Amino acid sequence: MTPHSLLPEDGCTGTLVTRIWNPAGRGGPSVAVLREDGVYDLSAHVSTMSTLLDTQDPAARVRSFAGTRVASVEDVMVNSDEAKRDGSRAFFLAPCDLQVIKAAGVTFATSMVERVIEEKAGGDASRAEAIRAQVLAQIGTDLSAIQPGSPEALQLKEALQAQGIWSQYLEVGIGPYAEVFTKAPVLSAVGTGSFVGIRDDSHWNNPEPEVVLAVNSHGVIQGAALGNDVNLRDIEGRSALLLGKAKDNNASTAIGPFIRLFDVSYSLDDVRAEVLHLEVRGEDGFVMHGTNAMAQISRDPLDLVEQVLSAHQYPDGFMLFLGTLFAPTQDRDRPGGGFTHHLGDTVQIRSRHLGTLSNRVQHCQQAAPWHFGLRAFINNLAARGLLSESGV
């Protein structure tokens, strides 16, 4: 990784806000901005990312803040590598804080078919190849033209049920209601450079490169980031009721390296056209590439945000993973075995507007345990004199 690869293709032209651990003074998490000449701490102006996103024009607010220069982008990036991290120097955190971390699933036709295959295989990767051929022969691969919840979708549902292959994943893929779930607890996401975790009892798993929307308490989308919604295919494949065990584990949610706020250089239409490029590089020499093209999503981002808000209110806002087109079928360890992670894999997710999110794979049990929760966060802000009615 280099500062150039961390940043978008247009560098710091956009408004790139993040959070860092700043050890200066009492030390703690700080809202920060990436500028051409370095990373600037904005905690003197705003205490939480949640508060910043609730302002009317957060990009303009950030541009008006002077901030305090902490270090160069390169220094913070290099020190963000969890394996080599020096706690006395600044490093990147996930760019969200008080926001609930939500995720939408089965939002792309290709990944929807893969979820059906997982279910039919009962989480057994060795059965997936044969089942994939059978399922694709029956339903085909081009479901992208079907509008979820439409009369055409209802007709397709009836036809598939008549063939005996209806699935709960098809229900949320083409039915009126999207699959929306809470991916991880508040403050538990890891940032770029940190380990991402897989359970040591999972033997079929993969990264999920996704766009993550930053939505404020009023339901307004203020920007977007990259995310890795680490997925344990064998555990979810046994039963959808195991979704929590498959998705919500220590270090299993990565977001970063920043939130790019909407301004004249970046908008929701850019999100709709975003193309994410994934590279997995193993210590065994294995390399896998994949893409997630947002143009192929079956539900518009605004629709997914509305479905989240139909449940209840989010007074601190939320981060929303939009789902992925990517579902790896490339064999790694044996013919017909498909892809699964090895410890030490480097996972890089990049897009031209959102830079690069980079993490290495470790068992959840060996990744740094999550101790800095809401109580620690509030106490830290109080100790640093950053609690105020307007600042938090």
Protein backbone atom coordinates (compact mmCIF):
# COMPACT_ATOMS: atom_id res chain seq x y z
CA MET A 1 0.00 0.00 0.00
CA THR A 2 1.04 3.56 -0.77
CA PRO A 3 -0.71 6.86 -0.01
CA HIS A 4 -1.60 7.00 -3.70
CA SER A 5 -3.34 3.62 -3.59
CA LEU A 6 -5.12 4.44 -0.31
CA LEU A 7 -6.68 7.55 -1.82
CA PRO A 8 -9.24 7.85 -4.64
CA GLU A 9 -8.07 8.43 -8.18
CA ASP A 10 -8.70 12.17 -7.72
CA GLY A 11 -6.67 12.23 -4.51
CA CYS A 12 -8.00 14.60 -1.87
CA THR A 13 -10.23 16.51 -4.28
CA GLY A 14 -13.26 15.18 -2.41
CA THR A 15 -14.10 15.54 1.28
CA LEU A 16 -12.58 12.47 2.94
CA VAL A 17 -13.49 12.18 6.62
CA THR A 18 -12.41 9.38 8.89
CA ARG A 19 -11.59 8.53 12.48
CA ILE A 20 -8.13 8.01 13.90
CA TRP A 21 -6.75 6.95 17.22
CA ASN A 22 -4.80 10.05 18.18
CA PRO A 23 -2.44 9.34 21.10
CA ALA A 24 -1.76 13.05 21.71
CA GLY A 25 -2.75 14.34 25.13
CA ARG A 26 -5.06 11.90 26.90
CA GLY A 27 -5.38 9.94 23.67
CA GLY A 28 -8.52 8.67 22.01
CA PRO A 29 -10.63 8.41 18.87
CA SER A 30 -10.92 11.60 16.85
CA VAL A 31 -12.85 12.67 13.78
CA ALA A 32 -10.28 13.57 11.14
CA VAL A 33 -9.99 14.65 7.51
CA LEU A 34 -7.48 13.60 4.85
CA ARG A 35 -5.86 16.52 3.06
CA GLU A 36 -3.04 16.74 0.54
CA ASP A 37 -0.51 17.64 3.23
CA GLY A 38 -1.65 15.18 5.90
CA VAL A 39 -4.28 13.90 8.31
CA TYR A 40 -5.96 16.58 10.43
CA ASP A 41 -7.66 16.00 13.79
CA LEU A 42 -11.04 17.79 13.89
CA SER A 43 -11.97 16.95 17.49
CA ALA A 44 -11.73 20.62 18.50
CA HIS A 45 -14.66 21.25 16.16
CA VAL A 46 -16.71 18.03 16.36
CA SER A 47 -16.55 15.09 18.77
CA THR A 48 -18.29 12.35 16.81
CA MET A 49 -18.85 11.38 13.20
CA SER A 50 -22.53 10.95 14.01
CA THR A 51 -22.78 14.63 14.96
CA LEU A 52 -20.90 15.77 11.87
CA LEU A 53 -23.23 13.84 9.55
CA ASP A 54 -26.24 15.45 11.21
CA THR A 55 -25.18 18.92 10.07
CA GLN A 56 -26.88 20.39 7.02
CA ASP A 57 -23.79 20.40 4.80
CA PRO A 58 -21.06 18.34 6.46
CA ALA A 59 -18.66 18.68 3.53
CA ALA A 60 -18.81 22.48 3.77
CA ARG A 61 -18.40 22.29 7.55
CA VAL A 62 -15.28 20.16 7.21
CA ARG A 63 -13.77 22.55 4.69
CA SER A 64 -14.31 25.40 7.17
CA PHE A 65 -12.48 23.57 9.97
CA ALA A 66 -8.76 24.25 10.37
CA GLY A 67 -8.06 21.15 12.44
CA THR A 68 -4.71 20.06 13.86
CA ARG A 69 -2.23 18.24 11.65
CA VAL A 70 -1.35 14.86 13.16
CA ALA A 71 0.91 13.23 10.56
CA SER A 72 1.21 12.53 6.86
CA VAL A 73 -1.31 10.22 5.23
CA GLU A 74 1.54 7.77 4.62
CA ASP A 75 2.60 7.70 8.29
CA VAL A 76 -0.93 7.04 9.52
CA MET A 77 -1.49 4.43 6.82
CA VAL A 78 1.72 2.53 7.58
CA ASN A 79 1.04 2.58 11.33
CA SER A 80 -2.48 1.23 10.75
CA ASP A 81 -1.06 -2.23 10.00
CA GLU A 82 -2.22 -4.07 13.10
CA ALA A 83 0.69 -6.52 13.00
CA LYS A 84 3.22 -3.68 13.25
CA ARG A 85 1.18 -0.95 14.95
CA ASP A 86 2.85 1.49 17.34
CA GLY A 87 0.26 2.65 19.87
CA SER A 88 2.18 5.86 20.50
CA ARG A 89 1.43 7.03 16.94
CA ALA A 90 -1.85 7.69 15.11
CA PHE A 91 -3.63 4.98 13.13
CA PHE A 92 -6.91 4.67 11.22
CA LEU A 93 -10.10 3.46 12.85
CA ALA A 94 -13.38 2.62 11.14
CA PRO A 95 -14.83 6.01 10.08
CA CYS A 96 -18.12 5.57 11.96
CA ASP A 97 -18.79 5.75 15.69
CA LEU A 98 -22.31 6.02 17.18
CA GLN A 99 -24.06 4.80 14.03
CA VAL A 100 -25.79 1.41 14.02
CA ILE A 101 -24.12 -0.91 11.49
CA LYS A 102 -26.80 -2.37 9.20
CA ALA A 103 -26.51 -4.56 6.12
CA ALA A 104 -28.74 -5.47 3.19
CA GLY A 105 -28.37 -8.94 1.74
CA VAL A 106 -29.34 -10.70 -1.48
CA THR A 107 -29.45 -7.43 -3.42
CA PHE A 108 -27.78 -8.80 -6.58
CA ALA A 109 -29.11 -11.61 -8.77
CA THR A 110 -25.81 -13.50 -8.94
CA SER A 111 -25.24 -13.52 -5.20
CA MET A 112 -28.90 -14.44 -4.70
CA VAL A 113 -28.35 -17.62 -6.72
CA GLU A 114 -25.25 -18.39 -4.63
CA ARG A 115 -27.27 -18.03 -1.42
CA VAL A 116 -29.76 -20.55 -2.80
CA ILE A 117 -26.86 -22.91 -3.54
CA GLU A 118 -25.49 -22.50 0.00
CA GLU A 119 -28.91 -23.36 1.38
CA LYS A 120 -29.37 -26.41 -0.85
CA ALA A 121 -25.83 -27.57 0.00
CA GLY A 122 -26.50 -27.23 3.72
CA GLY A 123 -23.25 -25.33 4.13
CA ASP A 124 -21.15 -28.14 2.60
CA ALA A 125 -18.77 -26.62 0.03
CA SER A 126 -18.07 -30.02 -1.55
CA ARG A 127 -21.69 -30.27 -2.72
CA ALA A 128 -21.90 -26.76 -4.13
CA GLU A 129 -20.62 -27.40 -7.65
CA ALA A 130 -23.17 -30.11 -8.46
CA ILE A 131 -26.01 -28.15 -6.88
CA ARG A 132 -24.94 -25.01 -8.75
CA ALA A 133 -25.33 -26.78 -12.09
CA GLN A 134 -28.75 -28.09 -11.07
CA VAL A 135 -30.06 -24.75 -9.80
CA LEU A 136 -28.78 -22.77 -12.77
CA ALA A 137 -30.37 -25.25 -15.15
CA GLN A 138 -33.72 -24.62 -13.49
CA ILE A 139 -33.74 -20.89 -12.83
CA GLY A 140 -30.98 -19.55 -15.10
CA THR A 141 -28.61 -16.76 -14.15
CA ASP A 142 -30.31 -13.67 -15.55
CA LEU A 143 -32.67 -12.60 -12.80
CA SER A 144 -31.37 -9.03 -12.86
CA ALA A 145 -34.23 -7.81 -15.06
CA ILE A 146 -36.79 -8.78 -12.41
CA GLN A 147 -37.93 -5.84 -10.29
CA PRO A 148 -38.35 -7.04 -6.69
CA GLY A 149 -41.96 -6.98 -5.59
CA SER A 150 -43.32 -6.50 -9.12
CA PRO A 151 -46.12 -8.58 -10.74
CA GLU A 152 -43.42 -10.24 -12.86
CA ALA A 153 -41.55 -11.21 -9.69
CA LEU A 154 -44.74 -12.73 -8.27
CA GLN A 155 -45.21 -14.78 -11.45
CA LEU A 156 -41.62 -16.01 -11.24
CA LYS A 157 -42.15 -16.96 -7.60
CA GLU A 158 -45.18 -19.05 -8.51
CA ALA A 159 -43.26 -20.75 -11.34
CA LEU A 160 -40.30 -21.59 -9.12
CA GLN A 161 -42.55 -22.88 -6.36
CA ALA A 162 -44.19 -25.17 -8.93
CA GLN A 163 -40.70 -26.56 -9.67
CA GLY A 164 -40.08 -27.11 -5.97
CA ILE A 165 -37.03 -24.86 -5.73
CA TRP A 166 -38.38 -21.84 -3.88
CA SER A 167 -36.03 -20.48 -1.24
CA GLN A 168 -36.06 -17.93 1.55
CA TYR A 169 -33.23 -16.18 -0.34
CA LEU A 170 -35.37 -15.85 -3.43
CA GLU A 171 -38.10 -14.43 -1.20
CA VAL A 172 -35.92 -11.50 -0.16
CA GLY A 173 -34.20 -11.31 -3.55
CA ILE A 174 -37.29 -10.74 -5.66
CA GLY A 175 -40.03 -10.26 -3.05
CA PRO A 176 -41.24 -6.86 -1.78
CA TYR A 177 -39.14 -6.86 1.40
CA ALA A 178 -35.37 -6.65 1.36
CA GLU A 179 -33.20 -8.61 3.75
CA VAL A 180 -31.93 -6.03 6.23
CA PHE A 181 -30.10 -7.03 9.39
CA THR A 182 -27.81 -5.56 12.03
CA LYS A 183 -24.32 -6.55 10.95
CA ALA A 184 -22.36 -5.57 14.05
CA PRO A 185 -22.65 -3.65 17.33
CA VAL A 186 -21.99 0.09 17.49
CA LEU A 187 -18.23 0.86 17.59
CA SER A 188 -17.18 -2.73 16.79
CA ALA A 189 -16.12 -2.23 13.14
CA VAL A 190 -12.42 -2.28 12.30
CA GLY A 191 -10.66 0.09 9.94
CA THR A 192 -8.13 -0.29 7.17
CA GLY A 193 -4.96 -2.09 8.23
CA SER A 194 -6.63 -4.07 10.99
CA PHE A 195 -7.20 -7.81 10.92
CA VAL A 196 -10.57 -9.07 9.72
CA GLY A 197 -11.83 -12.14 11.51
CA ILE A 198 -13.21 -15.53 10.51
CA ARG A 199 -14.34 -18.10 13.06
CA ASP A 200 -11.96 -21.00 13.57
CA ASP A 201 -14.87 -23.44 13.13
CA SER A 202 -15.71 -22.10 9.64
CA HIS A 203 -14.26 -23.89 6.61
CA TRP A 204 -16.13 -22.12 3.79
CA ASN A 205 -15.98 -18.34 3.91
CA ASN A 206 -15.18 -15.31 1.79
CA PRO A 207 -14.89 -11.52 1.71
CA GLU A 208 -17.82 -9.44 0.51
CA PRO A 209 -16.74 -6.13 -1.08
CA GLU A 210 -19.51 -3.59 -0.62
CA VAL A 211 -20.38 0.09 -0.72
CA VAL A 212 -21.45 1.32 2.72
CA LEU A 213 -23.75 4.32 2.95
CA ALA A 214 -23.38 6.86 5.75
CA VAL A 215 -26.93 7.87 6.71
CA ASN A 216 -27.70 10.49 9.36
CA SER A 217 -30.47 10.54 11.97
CA HIS A 218 -32.87 12.21 9.53
CA GLY A 219 -32.46 9.44 6.95
CA VAL A 220 -30.28 11.60 4.68
CA ILE A 221 -27.42 9.83 2.89
CA GLN A 222 -24.36 12.02 3.47
CA GLY A 223 -21.64 9.92 1.86
CA ALA A 224 -20.23 6.46 1.30
CA ALA A 225 -17.32 4.22 2.24
CA LEU A 226 -15.94 0.79 1.36
CA GLY A 227 -16.77 -2.23 3.46
CA ASN A 228 -15.95 -5.91 3.85
CA ASP A 229 -18.94 -7.86 5.16
CA VAL A 230 -17.00 -11.03 6.00
CA ASN A 231 -19.23 -14.01 5.23
CA LEU A 232 -19.15 -17.54 6.67
CA ARG A 233 -20.92 -19.52 3.94
CA ASP A 234 -20.92 -22.88 5.70
CA ILE A 235 -22.56 -21.56 8.87
CA GLU A 236 -25.28 -19.49 7.16
CA GLY A 237 -25.82 -22.30 4.64
CA ARG A 238 -26.86 -24.70 7.41
CA SER A 239 -29.70 -22.40 8.43
CA ALA A 240 -30.66 -18.77 7.87
CA LEU A 241 -31.35 -18.69 11.61
CA LEU A 242 -27.57 -18.85 12.06
CA LEU A 243 -27.13 -15.50 10.27
CA GLY A 244 -26.00 -13.82 13.48
CA LYS A 245 -23.32 -16.44 14.08
CA ALA A 246 -22.22 -16.21 10.44
CA LYS A 247 -22.07 -12.42 10.32
CA ASP A 248 -21.54 -10.87 13.76
CA ASN A 249 -18.15 -11.95 15.09
CA ASN A 250 -15.10 -10.17 16.44
CA ALA A 251 -13.39 -8.17 13.66
CA SER A 252 -15.83 -9.47 11.03
CA THR A 253 -16.84 -5.98 9.87
CA ALA A 254 -14.35 -3.67 8.15
CA ILE A 255 -15.21 -0.15 6.97
CA GLY A 256 -12.90 2.49 5.57
CA PRO A 257 -10.52 3.98 4.94
CA PHE A 258 -12.80 7.03 5.07
CA ILE A 259 -16.30 8.27 4.33
CA ARG A 260 -16.37 10.34 1.17
CA LEU A 261 -18.96 13.03 1.83
CA PHE A 262 -21.31 14.12 -0.92
CA ASP A 263 -20.20 17.41 -2.49
CA VAL A 264 -19.67 18.78 -5.99
CA SER A 265 -17.14 16.00 -6.69
CA TYR A 266 -19.21 13.02 -5.50
CA SER A 267 -22.91 12.18 -5.34
CA LEU A 268 -25.39 9.34 -4.98
CA ASP A 269 -25.30 8.86 -8.75
CA ASP A 270 -21.59 8.11 -8.42
CA VAL A 271 -22.47 5.49 -5.80
CA ARG A 272 -24.96 3.92 -8.21
CA ALA A 273 -22.21 3.63 -10.83
CA GLU A 274 -19.42 2.56 -8.46
CA VAL A 275 -17.34 -0.49 -9.42
CA LEU A 276 -15.45 -2.21 -6.61
CA HIS A 277 -12.36 -4.27 -7.38
CA LEU A 278 -11.37 -7.04 -5.00
CA GLU A 279 -8.01 -8.75 -4.69
CA VAL A 280 -7.29 -11.61 -2.30
CA ARG A 281 -3.61 -12.52 -2.10
CA GLY A 282 -2.58 -15.50 0.02
CA GLU A 283 0.72 -16.33 1.65
CA ASP A 284 0.53 -19.57 -0.38
CA GLY A 285 0.77 -17.60 -3.64
CA PHE A 286 -2.96 -17.86 -4.39
CA VAL A 287 -4.48 -14.76 -6.02
CA MET A 288 -8.16 -14.09 -6.67
CA HIS A 289 -9.79 -11.08 -8.27
CA GLY A 290 -13.42 -10.07 -8.32
CA THR A 291 -15.68 -7.10 -8.93
CA ASN A 292 -18.87 -5.66 -7.52
CA ALA A 293 -20.64 -3.44 -10.04
CA MET A 294 -23.29 -1.32 -8.34
CA ALA A 295 -25.09 -0.81 -11.65
CA GLN A 296 -26.30 -4.41 -11.35
CA ILE A 297 -27.96 -4.00 -7.96
CA SER A 298 -31.62 -5.01 -8.00
CA ARG A 299 -32.77 -2.49 -5.38
CA ASP A 300 -31.87 1.20 -5.51
CA PRO A 301 -29.88 2.53 -2.53
CA LEU A 302 -32.71 4.93 -1.67
CA ASP A 303 -35.15 2.01 -1.52
CA LEU A 304 -32.83 0.10 0.83
CA VAL A 305 -32.49 3.14 3.11
CA GLU A 306 -36.29 3.49 3.20
CA GLN A 307 -36.64 -0.17 4.14
CA VAL A 308 -34.23 0.32 7.05
CA LEU A 309 -36.18 3.36 8.22
CA SER A 310 -39.50 1.51 8.01
CA ALA A 311 -38.51 -0.47 11.12
CA HIS A 312 -37.85 2.36 13.58
CA GLN A 313 -35.80 5.50 14.08
CA TYR A 314 -32.01 5.79 14.25
CA PRO A 315 -31.26 8.83 16.41
CA ASP A 316 -27.48 8.49 15.84
CA GLY A 317 -27.75 7.49 12.18
CA PHE A 318 -26.60 4.24 10.60
CA MET A 319 -24.09 2.75 8.20
CA LEU A 320 -25.68 0.52 5.55
CA PHE A 321 -23.83 -2.20 3.63
CA LEU A 322 -25.56 -2.42 0.23
CA GLY A 323 -24.75 -6.05 -0.60
CA THR A 324 -22.46 -7.51 -3.19
CA LEU A 325 -22.45 -9.01 -6.66
CA PHE A 326 -19.33 -10.99 -5.76
CA ALA A 327 -19.72 -14.66 -4.83
CA PRO A 328 -16.50 -16.64 -5.42
CA THR A 329 -16.61 -20.05 -7.09
CA GLN A 330 -12.89 -20.30 -7.95
CA ASP A 331 -11.33 -23.46 -6.50
CA ARG A 332 -8.49 -22.97 -4.08
CA ASP A 333 -7.57 -26.09 -2.10
CA ARG A 334 -9.09 -28.87 -4.22
CA PRO A 335 -11.16 -29.32 -7.38
CA GLY A 336 -14.81 -28.63 -6.66
CA GLY A 337 -13.98 -27.20 -3.25
CA GLY A 338 -14.56 -23.56 -4.16
CA PHE A 339 -12.86 -20.66 -2.43
CA THR A 340 -12.27 -20.20 1.26
CA HIS A 341 -9.92 -17.94 3.19
CA HIS A 342 -6.54 -18.95 4.57
CA LEU A 343 -5.08 -17.17 7.56
CA GLY A 344 -2.80 -14.38 6.41
CA ASP A 345 -4.77 -13.57 3.25
CA THR A 346 -4.53 -9.91 2.30
CA VAL A 347 -7.88 -8.53 1.16
CA GLN A 348 -7.91 -5.27 -0.77
CA ILE A 349 -11.12 -3.59 -1.92
CA ARG A 350 -10.73 -0.57 -4.18
CA SER A 351 -12.84 1.84 -6.20
CA ARG A 352 -11.91 4.96 -8.12
CA HIS A 353 -13.88 7.26 -5.80
CA LEU A 354 -13.49 5.52 -2.42
CA GLY A 355 -9.83 4.53 -2.33
CA THR A 356 -8.64 1.21 -0.89
CA LEU A 357 -9.70 -0.76 2.16
CA SER A 358 -6.96 -3.25 3.07
CA ASN A 359 -7.07 -5.94 5.76
CA ARG A 360 -5.47 -9.28 6.56
CA VAL A 361 -7.37 -12.37 7.64
CA GLN A 362 -7.03 -13.80 11.12
CA HIS A 363 -9.20 -15.98 13.35
CA CYS A 364 -11.72 -13.92 15.29
CA GLN A 365 -10.31 -15.35 18.49
CA GLN A 366 -6.77 -14.11 17.66
CA ALA A 367 -7.70 -10.68 16.31
CA ALA A 368 -7.54 -7.85 18.82
CA PRO A 369 -10.53 -8.20 21.18
CA TRP A 370 -13.09 -5.40 21.10
CA HIS A 371 -12.98 -3.57 24.43
CA PHE A 372 -13.66 0.06 23.46
CA GLY A 373 -17.45 0.19 23.64
CA LEU A 374 -19.93 2.99 24.30
CA ARG A 375 -19.09 3.42 27.98
CA ALA A 376 -15.36 3.65 27.25
CA PHE A 377 -16.04 6.03 24.36
CA ILE A 378 -18.18 8.39 26.45
CA ASN A 379 -15.71 8.31 29.34
CA ASN A 380 -12.85 9.05 26.96
CA LEU A 381 -14.64 12.02 25.42
CA ALA A 382 -15.45 13.34 28.88
CA ALA A 383 -11.84 13.00 30.03
CA ARG A 384 -10.70 14.95 26.96
CA GLY A 385 -13.29 17.68 27.54
CA LEU A 386 -15.12 16.86 24.32
CA LEU A 387 -18.61 16.28 25.70
CA SER A 388 -21.07 19.05 24.93
CA GLU A 389 -24.68 19.30 23.81
CA SER A 390 -23.62 20.42 20.32
CA GLY A 391 -20.38 18.47 20.00
CA VAL A 392 -21.65 14.94 20.59
